[in-house]
């Protein structure tokens, strides 16, 4: 058996006022997840818990993201979340602070034989 990728989705999320990197990341993950309604587990005859979920989040300050809080988004499967430098911080022109933009990639795989 081999880890075989079956789905990739992308999302973007923001924190407009609070500079909350976790909230921007949460919104990016939800954006990616809510873009599809493909029932991958059922399609391949696996239980939903067998889904291997690799999520990568890009933000300007990765250390400010609470990864444990992001895992709560996934109702099933085996999520692994990696936070890397990316996204954008956009300074506000007429006031203190900045808008935080997070990008997410969600990859769903199963442990199965690849198609020949």
PDB file of N, CA and C in Angstrom:
ATOM      1  N   UNK A   1       0.834  -1.181   0.000  1.00  0.00           N
ATOM      2  CA  UNK A   1       0.000   0.000   0.000  1.00  0.00           C
ATOM      3  C   UNK A   1       0.881   1.248   0.000  1.00  0.00           C
ATOM      4  N   UNK A   2       0.353   2.318  -0.569  1.00  0.00           N
ATOM      5  CA  UNK A   2       1.091   3.570  -0.645  1.00  0.00           C
ATOM      6  C   UNK A   2       0.135   4.739  -0.438  1.00  0.00           C
ATOM      7  N   UNK A   3       0.645   5.795   0.137  1.00  0.00           N
ATOM      8  CA  UNK A   3      -0.145   7.009   0.305  1.00  0.00           C
ATOM      9  C   UNK A   3      -0.394   7.590  -1.077  1.00  0.00           C
ATOM     10  N   UNK A   4      -1.677   7.643  -1.479  1.00  0.00           N
ATOM     11  CA  UNK A   4      -2.047   8.079  -2.820  1.00  0.00           C
ATOM     12  C   UNK A   4      -2.943   9.309  -2.738  1.00  0.00           C
ATOM     13  N   UNK A   5      -2.505  10.404  -3.342  1.00  0.00           N
ATOM     14  CA  UNK A   5      -3.251  11.662  -3.336  1.00  0.00           C
ATOM     15  C   UNK A   5      -4.459  11.548  -4.252  1.00  0.00           C
ATOM     16  N   UNK A   6      -5.615  12.003  -3.742  1.00  0.00           N
ATOM     17  CA  UNK A   6      -6.828  11.954  -4.545  1.00  0.00           C
ATOM     18  C   UNK A   6      -7.516  13.315  -4.703  1.00  0.00           C
ATOM     19  N   UNK A   7      -7.133  14.297  -3.885  1.00  0.00           N
ATOM     20  CA  UNK A   7      -7.807  15.590  -3.945  1.00  0.00           C
ATOM     21  C   UNK A   7      -6.893  16.691  -3.405  1.00  0.00           C
ATOM     22  N   UNK A   8      -6.914  17.849  -4.067  1.00  0.00           N
ATOM     23  CA  UNK A   8      -6.224  19.040  -3.574  1.00  0.00           C
ATOM     24  C   UNK A   8      -7.194  20.210  -3.693  1.00  0.00           C
ATOM     25  N   UNK A   9      -7.320  20.970  -2.605  1.00  0.00           N
ATOM     26  CA  UNK A   9      -8.154  22.173  -2.615  1.00  0.00           C
ATOM     27  C   UNK A   9      -7.349  23.324  -2.029  1.00  0.00           C
ATOM     28  N   UNK A  10      -7.672  24.551  -2.448  1.00  0.00           N
ATOM     29  CA  UNK A  10      -6.967  25.738  -1.992  1.00  0.00           C
ATOM     30  C   UNK A  10      -7.955  26.729  -1.403  1.00  0.00           C
ATOM     31  N   UNK A  11      -7.493  27.505  -0.428  1.00  0.00           N
ATOM     32  CA  UNK A  11      -8.362  28.497   0.182  1.00  0.00           C
ATOM     33  C   UNK A  11      -7.574  29.708   0.654  1.00  0.00           C
ATOM     34  N   UNK A  12      -8.319  30.782   0.947  1.00  0.00           N
ATOM     35  CA  UNK A  12      -7.727  32.016   1.436  1.00  0.00           C
ATOM     36  C   UNK A  12      -8.612  32.539   2.554  1.00  0.00           C
ATOM     37  N   UNK A  13      -7.967  33.055   3.617  1.00  0.00           N
ATOM     38  CA  UNK A  13      -8.713  33.630   4.726  1.00  0.00           C
ATOM     39  C   UNK A  13      -8.017  34.869   5.250  1.00  0.00           C
ATOM     40  N   UNK A  14      -8.783  35.724   5.922  1.00  0.00           N
ATOM     41  CA  UNK A  14      -8.222  36.971   6.423  1.00  0.00           C
ATOM     42  C   UNK A  14      -8.622  37.233   7.869  1.00  0.00           C
ATOM     43  N   UNK A  15      -7.836  38.051   8.509  1.00  0.00           N
ATOM     44  CA  UNK A  15      -8.200  38.689   9.772  1.00  0.00           C
ATOM     45  C   UNK A  15      -8.067  40.177   9.496  1.00  0.00           C
ATOM     46  N   UNK A  16      -9.192  40.832   9.334  1.00  0.00           N
ATOM     47  CA  UNK A  16      -9.190  42.217   8.873  1.00  0.00           C
ATOM     48  C   UNK A  16      -8.788  43.224   9.942  1.00  0.00           C
ATOM     49  N   UNK A  17      -9.132  42.949  11.214  1.00  0.00           N
ATOM     50  CA  UNK A  17      -8.924  43.964  12.242  1.00  0.00           C
ATOM     51  C   UNK A  17      -8.058  43.521  13.410  1.00  0.00           C
ATOM     52  N   UNK A  18      -8.088  42.240  13.776  1.00  0.00           N
ATOM     53  CA  UNK A  18      -7.449  41.805  15.025  1.00  0.00           C
ATOM     54  C   UNK A  18      -6.043  41.248  14.848  1.00  0.00           C
ATOM     55  N   UNK A  19      -5.563  41.146  13.633  1.00  0.00           N
ATOM     56  CA  UNK A  19      -4.251  40.542  13.364  1.00  0.00           C
ATOM     57  C   UNK A  19      -4.162  39.144  13.994  1.00  0.00           C
ATOM     58  N   UNK A  20      -5.225  38.375  13.823  1.00  0.00           N
ATOM     59  CA  UNK A  20      -5.337  37.037  14.411  1.00  0.00           C
ATOM     60  C   UNK A  20      -4.936  36.005  13.346  1.00  0.00           C
ATOM     61  N   UNK A  21      -3.723  35.522  13.454  1.00  0.00           N
ATOM     62  CA  UNK A  21      -3.196  34.591  12.457  1.00  0.00           C
ATOM     63  C   UNK A  21      -3.940  33.259  12.477  1.00  0.00           C
ATOM     64  N   UNK A  22      -4.363  32.814  13.659  1.00  0.00           N
ATOM     65  CA  UNK A  22      -5.108  31.554  13.748  1.00  0.00           C
ATOM     66  C   UNK A  22      -6.463  31.697  13.064  1.00  0.00           C
ATOM     67  N   UNK A  23      -7.136  32.812  13.273  1.00  0.00           N
ATOM     68  CA  UNK A  23      -8.444  33.017  12.646  1.00  0.00           C
ATOM     69  C   UNK A  23      -8.313  33.114  11.127  1.00  0.00           C
ATOM     70  N   UNK A  24      -7.299  33.802  10.646  1.00  0.00           N
ATOM     71  CA  UNK A  24      -7.082  33.874   9.196  1.00  0.00           C
ATOM     72  C   UNK A  24      -6.816  32.473   8.641  1.00  0.00           C
ATOM     73  N   UNK A  25      -6.020  31.671   9.344  1.00  0.00           N
ATOM     74  CA  UNK A  25      -5.733  30.299   8.907  1.00  0.00           C
ATOM     75  C   UNK A  25      -6.995  29.447   8.941  1.00  0.00           C
ATOM     76  N   UNK A  26      -7.806  29.604   9.997  1.00  0.00           N
ATOM     77  CA  UNK A  26      -9.070  28.850  10.097  1.00  0.00           C
ATOM     78  C   UNK A  26      -9.972  29.170   8.906  1.00  0.00           C
ATOM     79  N   UNK A  27     -10.067  30.444   8.577  1.00  0.00           N
ATOM     80  CA  UNK A  27     -10.910  30.852   7.449  1.00  0.00           C
ATOM     81  C   UNK A  27     -10.364  30.317   6.122  1.00  0.00           C
ATOM     82  N   UNK A  28      -9.047  30.266   5.982  1.00  0.00           N
ATOM     83  CA  UNK A  28      -8.449  29.727   4.751  1.00  0.00           C
ATOM     84  C   UNK A  28      -8.751  28.232   4.624  1.00  0.00           C
ATOM     85  N   UNK A  29      -8.633  27.490   5.727  1.00  0.00           N
ATOM     86  CA  UNK A  29      -8.946  26.057   5.689  1.00  0.00           C
ATOM     87  C   UNK A  29     -10.413  25.821   5.355  1.00  0.00           C
ATOM     88  N   UNK A  30     -11.291  26.570   6.006  1.00  0.00           N
ATOM     89  CA  UNK A  30     -12.724  26.408   5.731  1.00  0.00           C
ATOM     90  C   UNK A  30     -13.041  26.767   4.285  1.00  0.00           C
ATOM     91  N   UNK A  31     -12.389  27.800   3.765  1.00  0.00           N
ATOM     92  CA  UNK A  31     -12.592  28.187   2.370  1.00  0.00           C
ATOM     93  C   UNK A  31     -12.230  27.025   1.446  1.00  0.00           C
ATOM     94  N   UNK A  32     -11.112  26.379   1.718  1.00  0.00           N
ATOM     95  CA  UNK A  32     -10.692  25.230   0.898  1.00  0.00           C
ATOM     96  C   UNK A  32     -11.667  24.069   1.045  1.00  0.00           C
ATOM     97  N   UNK A  33     -12.062  23.763   2.264  1.00  0.00           N
ATOM     98  CA  UNK A  33     -12.928  22.612   2.505  1.00  0.00           C
ATOM     99  C   UNK A  33     -14.339  22.815   1.964  1.00  0.00           C
ATOM    100  N   UNK A  34     -14.838  24.015   2.045  1.00  0.00           N
ATOM    101  CA  UNK A  34     -16.209  24.273   1.635  1.00  0.00           C
ATOM    102  C   UNK A  34     -16.328  24.420   0.115  1.00  0.00           C
ATOM    103  N   UNK A  35     -15.230  24.341  -0.612  1.00  0.00           N
ATOM    104  CA  UNK A  35     -15.283  24.419  -2.070  1.00  0.00           C
ATOM    105  C   UNK A  35     -15.603  23.089  -2.716  1.00  0.00           C
ATOM    106  N   UNK A  36     -15.676  22.039  -1.928  1.00  0.00           N
ATOM    107  CA  UNK A  36     -15.952  20.744  -2.550  1.00  0.00           C
ATOM    108  C   UNK A  36     -16.977  19.977  -1.739  1.00  0.00           C
ATOM    109  N   UNK A  37     -17.639  19.086  -2.407  1.00  0.00           N
ATOM    110  CA  UNK A  37     -18.556  18.181  -1.731  1.00  0.00           C
ATOM    111  C   UNK A  37     -18.319  16.765  -2.237  1.00  0.00           C
ATOM    112  N   UNK A  38     -17.096  16.505  -2.652  1.00  0.00           N
ATOM    113  CA  UNK A  38     -16.725  15.196  -3.171  1.00  0.00           C
ATOM    114  C   UNK A  38     -16.610  14.217  -2.001  1.00  0.00           C
ATOM    115  N   UNK A  39     -17.292  13.113  -2.102  1.00  0.00           N
ATOM    116  CA  UNK A  39     -17.248  12.090  -1.052  1.00  0.00           C
ATOM    117  C   UNK A  39     -16.156  11.085  -1.377  1.00  0.00           C
ATOM    118  N   UNK A  40     -14.915  11.500  -1.152  1.00  0.00           N
ATOM    119  CA  UNK A  40     -13.770  10.677  -1.530  1.00  0.00           C
ATOM    120  C   UNK A  40     -13.748   9.315  -0.837  1.00  0.00           C
ATOM    121  N   UNK A  41     -14.023   9.297   0.441  1.00  0.00           N
ATOM    122  CA  UNK A  41     -13.946   8.033   1.177  1.00  0.00           C
ATOM    123  C   UNK A  41     -14.903   7.015   0.571  1.00  0.00           C
ATOM    124  N   UNK A  42     -16.151   7.428   0.381  1.00  0.00           N
ATOM    125  CA  UNK A  42     -17.149   6.516  -0.178  1.00  0.00           C
ATOM    126  C   UNK A  42     -16.796   6.089  -1.608  1.00  0.00           C
ATOM    127  N   UNK A  43     -16.237   7.018  -2.372  1.00  0.00           N
ATOM    128  CA  UNK A  43     -15.864   6.723  -3.753  1.00  0.00           C
ATOM    129  C   UNK A  43     -14.887   5.550  -3.836  1.00  0.00           C
ATOM    130  N   UNK A  44     -13.950   5.494  -2.864  1.00  0.00           N
ATOM    131  CA  UNK A  44     -12.950   4.435  -2.868  1.00  0.00           C
ATOM    132  C   UNK A  44     -13.277   3.295  -1.907  1.00  0.00           C
ATOM    133  N   UNK A  45     -14.429   3.353  -1.247  1.00  0.00           N
ATOM    134  CA  UNK A  45     -14.826   2.285  -0.350  1.00  0.00           C
ATOM    135  C   UNK A  45     -14.109   2.291   0.991  1.00  0.00           C
ATOM    136  N   UNK A  46     -13.647   3.458   1.448  1.00  0.00           N
ATOM    137  CA  UNK A  46     -12.957   3.580   2.731  1.00  0.00           C
ATOM    138  C   UNK A  46     -13.863   4.279   3.743  1.00  0.00           C
ATOM    139  N   UNK A  47     -13.648   4.025   5.025  1.00  0.00           N
ATOM    140  CA  UNK A  47     -14.346   4.839   6.026  1.00  0.00           C
ATOM    141  C   UNK A  47     -13.746   6.244   6.023  1.00  0.00           C
ATOM    142  N   UNK A  48     -14.531   7.240   6.430  1.00  0.00           N
ATOM    143  CA  UNK A  48     -14.045   8.625   6.435  1.00  0.00           C
ATOM    144  C   UNK A  48     -12.811   8.794   7.314  1.00  0.00           C
ATOM    145  N   UNK A  49     -12.712   7.983   8.357  1.00  0.00           N
ATOM    146  CA  UNK A  49     -11.567   8.074   9.267  1.00  0.00           C
ATOM    147  C   UNK A  49     -10.255   7.707   8.574  1.00  0.00           C
ATOM    148  N   UNK A  50     -10.326   7.022   7.429  1.00  0.00           N
ATOM    149  CA  UNK A  50      -9.115   6.606   6.707  1.00  0.00           C
ATOM    150  C   UNK A  50      -8.511   7.735   5.877  1.00  0.00           C
ATOM    151  N   UNK A  51      -9.204   8.865   5.782  1.00  0.00           N
ATOM    152  CA  UNK A  51      -8.677   9.982   5.007  1.00  0.00           C
ATOM    153  C   UNK A  51      -7.413  10.515   5.657  1.00  0.00           C
ATOM    154  N   UNK A  52      -6.355  10.616   4.893  1.00  0.00           N
ATOM    155  CA  UNK A  52      -5.110  11.237   5.345  1.00  0.00           C
ATOM    156  C   UNK A  52      -5.154  12.670   4.825  1.00  0.00           C
ATOM    157  N   UNK A  53      -5.194  13.620   5.749  1.00  0.00           N
ATOM    158  CA  UNK A  53      -5.360  15.024   5.376  1.00  0.00           C
ATOM    159  C   UNK A  53      -4.085  15.780   5.710  1.00  0.00           C
ATOM    160  N   UNK A  54      -3.452  16.324   4.690  1.00  0.00           N
ATOM    161  CA  UNK A  54      -2.269  17.167   4.873  1.00  0.00           C
ATOM    162  C   UNK A  54      -2.675  18.590   4.522  1.00  0.00           C
ATOM    163  N   UNK A  55      -2.635  19.464   5.514  1.00  0.00           N
ATOM    164  CA  UNK A  55      -2.994  20.860   5.290  1.00  0.00           C
ATOM    165  C   UNK A  55      -1.755  21.718   5.487  1.00  0.00           C
ATOM    166  N   UNK A  56      -1.500  22.598   4.540  1.00  0.00           N
ATOM    167  CA  UNK A  56      -0.385  23.531   4.657  1.00  0.00           C
ATOM    168  C   UNK A  56      -0.949  24.947   4.646  1.00  0.00           C
ATOM    169  N   UNK A  57      -0.534  25.716   5.642  1.00  0.00           N
ATOM    170  CA  UNK A  57      -0.990  27.096   5.794  1.00  0.00           C
ATOM    171  C   UNK A  57       0.203  28.021   5.608  1.00  0.00           C
ATOM    172  N   UNK A  58       0.016  29.088   4.856  1.00  0.00           N
ATOM    173  CA  UNK A  58       1.051  30.102   4.689  1.00  0.00           C
ATOM    174  C   UNK A  58       0.605  31.417   5.303  1.00  0.00           C
ATOM    175  N   UNK A  59       1.382  31.911   6.293  1.00  0.00           N
ATOM    176  CA  UNK A  59       1.149  33.225   6.907  1.00  0.00           C
ATOM    177  C   UNK A  59       2.509  33.883   7.141  1.00  0.00           C
ATOM    178  N   UNK A  60       2.508  35.163   7.314  1.00  0.00           N
ATOM    179  CA  UNK A  60       3.762  35.890   7.523  1.00  0.00           C
ATOM    180  C   UNK A  60       4.412  35.577   8.871  1.00  0.00           C
ATOM    181  N   UNK A  61       3.608  35.211   9.887  1.00  0.00           N
ATOM    182  CA  UNK A  61       4.157  34.889  11.204  1.00  0.00           C
ATOM    183  C   UNK A  61       3.651  33.515  11.641  1.00  0.00           C
ATOM    184  N   UNK A  62       4.266  32.441  11.142  1.00  0.00           N
ATOM    185  CA  UNK A  62       3.795  31.074  11.427  1.00  0.00           C
ATOM    186  C   UNK A  62       3.710  30.744  12.918  1.00  0.00           C
ATOM    187  N   UNK A  63       4.581  31.300  13.725  1.00  0.00           N
ATOM    188  CA  UNK A  63       4.576  30.999  15.152  1.00  0.00           C
ATOM    189  C   UNK A  63       3.355  31.519  15.889  1.00  0.00           C
ATOM    190  N   UNK A  64       2.574  32.359  15.262  1.00  0.00           N
ATOM    191  CA  UNK A  64       1.373  32.913  15.891  1.00  0.00           C
ATOM    192  C   UNK A  64       0.110  32.137  15.546  1.00  0.00           C
ATOM    193  N   UNK A  65       0.244  30.970  14.902  1.00  0.00           N
ATOM    194  CA  UNK A  65      -0.903  30.135  14.553  1.00  0.00           C
ATOM    195  C   UNK A  65      -1.013  28.985  15.557  1.00  0.00           C
ATOM    196  N   UNK A  66      -2.203  28.814  16.129  1.00  0.00           N
ATOM    197  CA  UNK A  66      -2.494  27.725  17.062  1.00  0.00           C
ATOM    198  C   UNK A  66      -2.940  26.506  16.245  1.00  0.00           C
ATOM    199  N   UNK A  67      -2.003  25.605  15.990  1.00  0.00           N
ATOM    200  CA  UNK A  67      -2.274  24.431  15.144  1.00  0.00           C
ATOM    201  C   UNK A  67      -3.328  23.519  15.771  1.00  0.00           C
ATOM    202  N   UNK A  68      -3.295  23.345  17.076  1.00  0.00           N
ATOM    203  CA  UNK A  68      -4.277  22.488  17.752  1.00  0.00           C
ATOM    204  C   UNK A  68      -5.700  22.997  17.511  1.00  0.00           C
ATOM    205  N   UNK A  69      -5.885  24.305  17.529  1.00  0.00           N
ATOM    206  CA  UNK A  69      -7.213  24.871  17.282  1.00  0.00           C
ATOM    207  C   UNK A  69      -7.675  24.597  15.853  1.00  0.00           C
ATOM    208  N   UNK A  70      -6.751  24.550  14.913  1.00  0.00           N
ATOM    209  CA  UNK A  70      -7.116  24.296  13.516  1.00  0.00           C
ATOM    210  C   UNK A  70      -7.553  22.854  13.299  1.00  0.00           C
ATOM    211  N   UNK A  71      -7.006  21.917  14.048  1.00  0.00           N
ATOM    212  CA  UNK A  71      -7.387  20.506  13.880  1.00  0.00           C
ATOM    213  C   UNK A  71      -8.858  20.272  14.191  1.00  0.00           C
ATOM    214  N   UNK A  72      -9.453  21.138  15.012  1.00  0.00           N
ATOM    215  CA  UNK A  72     -10.866  21.006  15.358  1.00  0.00           C
ATOM    216  C   UNK A  72     -11.788  21.202  14.156  1.00  0.00           C
ATOM    217  N   UNK A  73     -11.282  21.794  13.098  1.00  0.00           N
ATOM    218  CA  UNK A  73     -12.086  22.039  11.894  1.00  0.00           C
ATOM    219  C   UNK A  73     -12.462  20.738  11.202  1.00  0.00           C
ATOM    220  N   UNK A  74     -11.592  19.737  11.302  1.00  0.00           N
ATOM    221  CA  UNK A  74     -11.779  18.494  10.561  1.00  0.00           C
ATOM    222  C   UNK A  74     -12.624  17.515  11.378  1.00  0.00           C
ATOM    223  N   UNK A  75     -13.826  17.180  10.900  1.00  0.00           N
ATOM    224  CA  UNK A  75     -14.703  16.298  11.679  1.00  0.00           C
ATOM    225  C   UNK A  75     -14.271  14.825  11.655  1.00  0.00           C
ATOM    226  N   UNK A  76     -13.447  14.460  10.705  1.00  0.00           N
ATOM    227  CA  UNK A  76     -12.961  13.092  10.607  1.00  0.00           C
ATOM    228  C   UNK A  76     -11.669  13.090   9.814  1.00  0.00           C
ATOM    229  N   UNK A  77     -11.069  11.934   9.687  1.00  0.00           N
ATOM    230  CA  UNK A  77      -9.796  11.838   8.985  1.00  0.00           C
ATOM    231  C   UNK A  77      -8.632  12.021   9.934  1.00  0.00           C
ATOM    232  N   UNK A  78      -7.443  11.983   9.366  1.00  0.00           N
ATOM    233  CA  UNK A  78      -6.198  12.088  10.124  1.00  0.00           C
ATOM    234  C   UNK A  78      -5.466  13.352   9.670  1.00  0.00           C
ATOM    235  N   UNK A  79      -5.824  14.527  10.247  1.00  0.00           N
ATOM    236  CA  UNK A  79      -5.212  15.772   9.776  1.00  0.00           C
ATOM    237  C   UNK A  79      -3.808  16.008  10.324  1.00  0.00           C
ATOM    238  N   UNK A  80      -2.932  16.453   9.454  1.00  0.00           N
ATOM    239  CA  UNK A  80      -1.616  16.955   9.816  1.00  0.00           C
ATOM    240  C   UNK A  80      -1.542  18.368   9.259  1.00  0.00           C
ATOM    241  N   UNK A  81      -1.210  19.327  10.118  1.00  0.00           N
ATOM    242  CA  UNK A  81      -1.188  20.721   9.700  1.00  0.00           C
ATOM    243  C   UNK A  81       0.225  21.272   9.820  1.00  0.00           C
ATOM    244  N   UNK A  82       0.703  21.865   8.727  1.00  0.00           N
ATOM    245  CA  UNK A  82       2.014  22.490   8.685  1.00  0.00           C
ATOM    246  C   UNK A  82       1.810  23.974   8.407  1.00  0.00           C
ATOM    247  N   UNK A  83       2.474  24.814   9.186  1.00  0.00           N
ATOM    248  CA  UNK A  83       2.374  26.260   8.978  1.00  0.00           C
ATOM    249  C   UNK A  83       3.738  26.770   8.523  1.00  0.00           C
ATOM    250  N   UNK A  84       3.744  27.468   7.403  1.00  0.00           N
ATOM    251  CA  UNK A  84       4.990  27.986   6.836  1.00  0.00           C
ATOM    252  C   UNK A  84       4.865  29.486   6.587  1.00  0.00           C
ATOM    253  N   UNK A  85       5.980  30.114   6.294  1.00  0.00           N
ATOM    254  CA  UNK A  85       5.954  31.538   5.972  1.00  0.00           C
ATOM    255  C   UNK A  85       5.339  31.717   4.589  1.00  0.00           C
ATOM    256  N   UNK A  86       4.387  32.596   4.512  1.00  0.00           N
ATOM    257  CA  UNK A  86       3.688  32.858   3.259  1.00  0.00           C
ATOM    258  C   UNK A  86       2.607  33.884   3.517  1.00  0.00           C
ATOM    259  N   UNK A  87       1.534  33.826   2.753  1.00  0.00           N
ATOM    260  CA  UNK A  87       0.449  34.775   2.954  1.00  0.00           C
ATOM    261  C   UNK A  87       0.919  36.214   2.800  1.00  0.00           C
ATOM    262  N   UNK A  88       0.152  37.132   3.388  1.00  0.00           N
ATOM    263  CA  UNK A  88       0.476  38.560   3.310  1.00  0.00           C
ATOM    264  C   UNK A  88       0.076  39.254   4.598  1.00  0.00           C
ATOM    265  N   UNK A  89       0.829  40.251   4.985  1.00  0.00           N
ATOM    266  CA  UNK A  89       0.422  41.219   5.992  1.00  0.00           C
ATOM    267  C   UNK A  89       0.342  42.548   5.260  1.00  0.00           C
ATOM    268  N   UNK A  90      -0.818  43.185   5.321  1.00  0.00           N
ATOM    269  CA  UNK A  90      -1.025  44.429   4.585  1.00  0.00           C
ATOM    270  C   UNK A  90      -1.236  45.555   5.594  1.00  0.00           C
ATOM    271  N   UNK A  91      -0.302  46.502   5.639  1.00  0.00           N
ATOM    272  CA  UNK A  91      -0.417  47.637   6.554  1.00  0.00           C
ATOM    273  C   UNK A  91      -1.638  48.462   6.211  1.00  0.00           C
ATOM    274  N   UNK A  92      -2.307  48.966   7.267  1.00  0.00           N
ATOM    275  CA  UNK A  92      -3.457  49.838   7.069  1.00  0.00           C
ATOM    276  C   UNK A  92      -2.940  51.254   6.806  1.00  0.00           C
ATOM    277  N   UNK A  93      -3.468  51.942   5.815  1.00  0.00           N
ATOM    278  CA  UNK A  93      -2.893  53.225   5.394  1.00  0.00           C
ATOM    279  C   UNK A  93      -3.132  54.386   6.353  1.00  0.00           C
ATOM    280  N   UNK A  94      -4.236  54.387   7.096  1.00  0.00           N
ATOM    281  CA  UNK A  94      -4.576  55.560   7.895  1.00  0.00           C
ATOM    282  C   UNK A  94      -4.698  55.261   9.384  1.00  0.00           C
ATOM    283  N   UNK A  95      -4.211  54.107   9.803  1.00  0.00           N
ATOM    284  CA  UNK A  95      -4.323  53.726  11.207  1.00  0.00           C
ATOM    285  C   UNK A  95      -3.267  52.681  11.528  1.00  0.00           C
ATOM    286  N   UNK A  96      -3.107  52.385  12.808  1.00  0.00           N
ATOM    287  CA  UNK A  96      -2.181  51.331  13.217  1.00  0.00           C
ATOM    288  C   UNK A  96      -2.756  49.972  12.823  1.00  0.00           C
ATOM    289  N   UNK A  97      -1.898  49.012  12.683  1.00  0.00           N
ATOM    290  CA  UNK A  97      -2.348  47.648  12.435  1.00  0.00           C
ATOM    291  C   UNK A  97      -2.204  47.230  10.989  1.00  0.00           C
ATOM    292  N   UNK A  98      -2.633  45.993  10.769  1.00  0.00           N
ATOM    293  CA  UNK A  98      -2.523  45.419   9.435  1.00  0.00           C
ATOM    294  C   UNK A  98      -3.575  44.329   9.263  1.00  0.00           C
ATOM    295  N   UNK A  99      -3.844  44.025   8.032  1.00  0.00           N
ATOM    296  CA  UNK A  99      -4.725  42.919   7.681  1.00  0.00           C
ATOM    297  C   UNK A  99      -3.854  41.707   7.420  1.00  0.00           C
ATOM    298  N   UNK A 100      -4.251  40.572   7.991  1.00  0.00           N
ATOM    299  CA  UNK A 100      -3.511  39.320   7.833  1.00  0.00           C
ATOM    300  C   UNK A 100      -4.226  38.456   6.799  1.00  0.00           C
ATOM    301  N   UNK A 101      -3.469  37.957   5.832  1.00  0.00           N
ATOM    302  CA  UNK A 101      -4.001  37.068   4.802  1.00  0.00           C
ATOM    303  C   UNK A 101      -3.279  35.725   4.907  1.00  0.00           C
ATOM    304  N   UNK A 102      -4.069  34.649   4.995  1.00  0.00           N
ATOM    305  CA  UNK A 102      -3.520  33.290   5.049  1.00  0.00           C
ATOM    306  C   UNK A 102      -3.948  32.528   3.806  1.00  0.00           C
ATOM    307  N   UNK A 103      -3.061  31.679   3.322  1.00  0.00           N
ATOM    308  CA  UNK A 103      -3.370  30.771   2.218  1.00  0.00           C
ATOM    309  C   UNK A 103      -3.308  29.342   2.735  1.00  0.00           C
ATOM    310  N   UNK A 104      -4.170  28.494   2.181  1.00  0.00           N
ATOM    311  CA  UNK A 104      -4.201  27.095   2.618  1.00  0.00           C
ATOM    312  C   UNK A 104      -4.257  26.166   1.421  1.00  0.00           C
ATOM    313  N   UNK A 105      -3.592  25.033   1.566  1.00  0.00           N
ATOM    314  CA  UNK A 105      -3.715  23.920   0.620  1.00  0.00           C
ATOM    315  C   UNK A 105      -4.099  22.697   1.450  1.00  0.00           C
ATOM    316  N   UNK A 106      -5.151  22.021   1.043  1.00  0.00           N
ATOM    317  CA  UNK A 106      -5.612  20.815   1.736  1.00  0.00           C
ATOM    318  C   UNK A 106      -5.501  19.660   0.755  1.00  0.00           C
ATOM    319  N   UNK A 107      -4.728  18.652   1.143  1.00  0.00           N
ATOM    320  CA  UNK A 107      -4.494  17.486   0.291  1.00  0.00           C
ATOM    321  C   UNK A 107      -5.080  16.267   0.992  1.00  0.00           C
ATOM    322  N   UNK A 108      -5.937  15.531   0.291  1.00  0.00           N
ATOM    323  CA  UNK A 108      -6.543  14.314   0.828  1.00  0.00           C
ATOM    324  C   UNK A 108      -5.929  13.120   0.116  1.00  0.00           C
ATOM    325  N   UNK A 109      -5.496  12.165   0.921  1.00  0.00           N
ATOM    326  CA  UNK A 109      -4.890  10.938   0.390  1.00  0.00           C
ATOM    327  C   UNK A 109      -5.482   9.733   1.115  1.00  0.00           C
ATOM    328  N   UNK A 110      -5.250   8.559   0.551  1.00  0.00           N
ATOM    329  CA  UNK A 110      -5.597   7.297   1.191  1.00  0.00           C
ATOM    330  C   UNK A 110      -4.412   6.351   1.070  1.00  0.00           C
ATOM    331  N   UNK A 111      -4.314   5.431   1.974  1.00  0.00           N
ATOM    332  CA  UNK A 111      -3.296   4.392   1.903  1.00  0.00           C
ATOM    333  C   UNK A 111      -3.861   3.293   1.006  1.00  0.00           C
ATOM    334  N   UNK A 112      -3.427   3.271  -0.247  1.00  0.00           N
ATOM    335  CA  UNK A 112      -3.962   2.311  -1.223  1.00  0.00           C
ATOM    336  C   UNK A 112      -2.975   2.119  -2.358  1.00  0.00           C
ATOM    337  N   UNK A 113      -3.232   1.112  -3.127  1.00  0.00           N
ATOM    338  CA  UNK A 113      -2.411   0.859  -4.298  1.00  0.00           C
ATOM    339  C   UNK A 113      -2.725   1.884  -5.375  1.00  0.00           C
ATOM    340  N   UNK A 114      -1.709   2.514  -5.945  1.00  0.00           N
ATOM    341  CA  UNK A 114      -1.978   3.461  -7.043  1.00  0.00           C
ATOM    342  C   UNK A 114      -2.488   2.721  -8.267  1.00  0.00           C
ATOM    343  N   UNK A 115      -3.288   3.439  -9.061  1.00  0.00           N
ATOM    344  CA  UNK A 115      -3.809   2.859 -10.305  1.00  0.00           C
ATOM    345  C   UNK A 115      -2.667   2.547 -11.248  1.00  0.00           C
ATOM    346  N   UNK A 116      -2.775   1.478 -11.985  1.00  0.00           N
ATOM    347  CA  UNK A 116      -1.717   1.070 -12.904  1.00  0.00           C
ATOM    348  C   UNK A 116      -1.805   1.821 -14.203  1.00  0.00           C
TER     349      UNK A 116
END
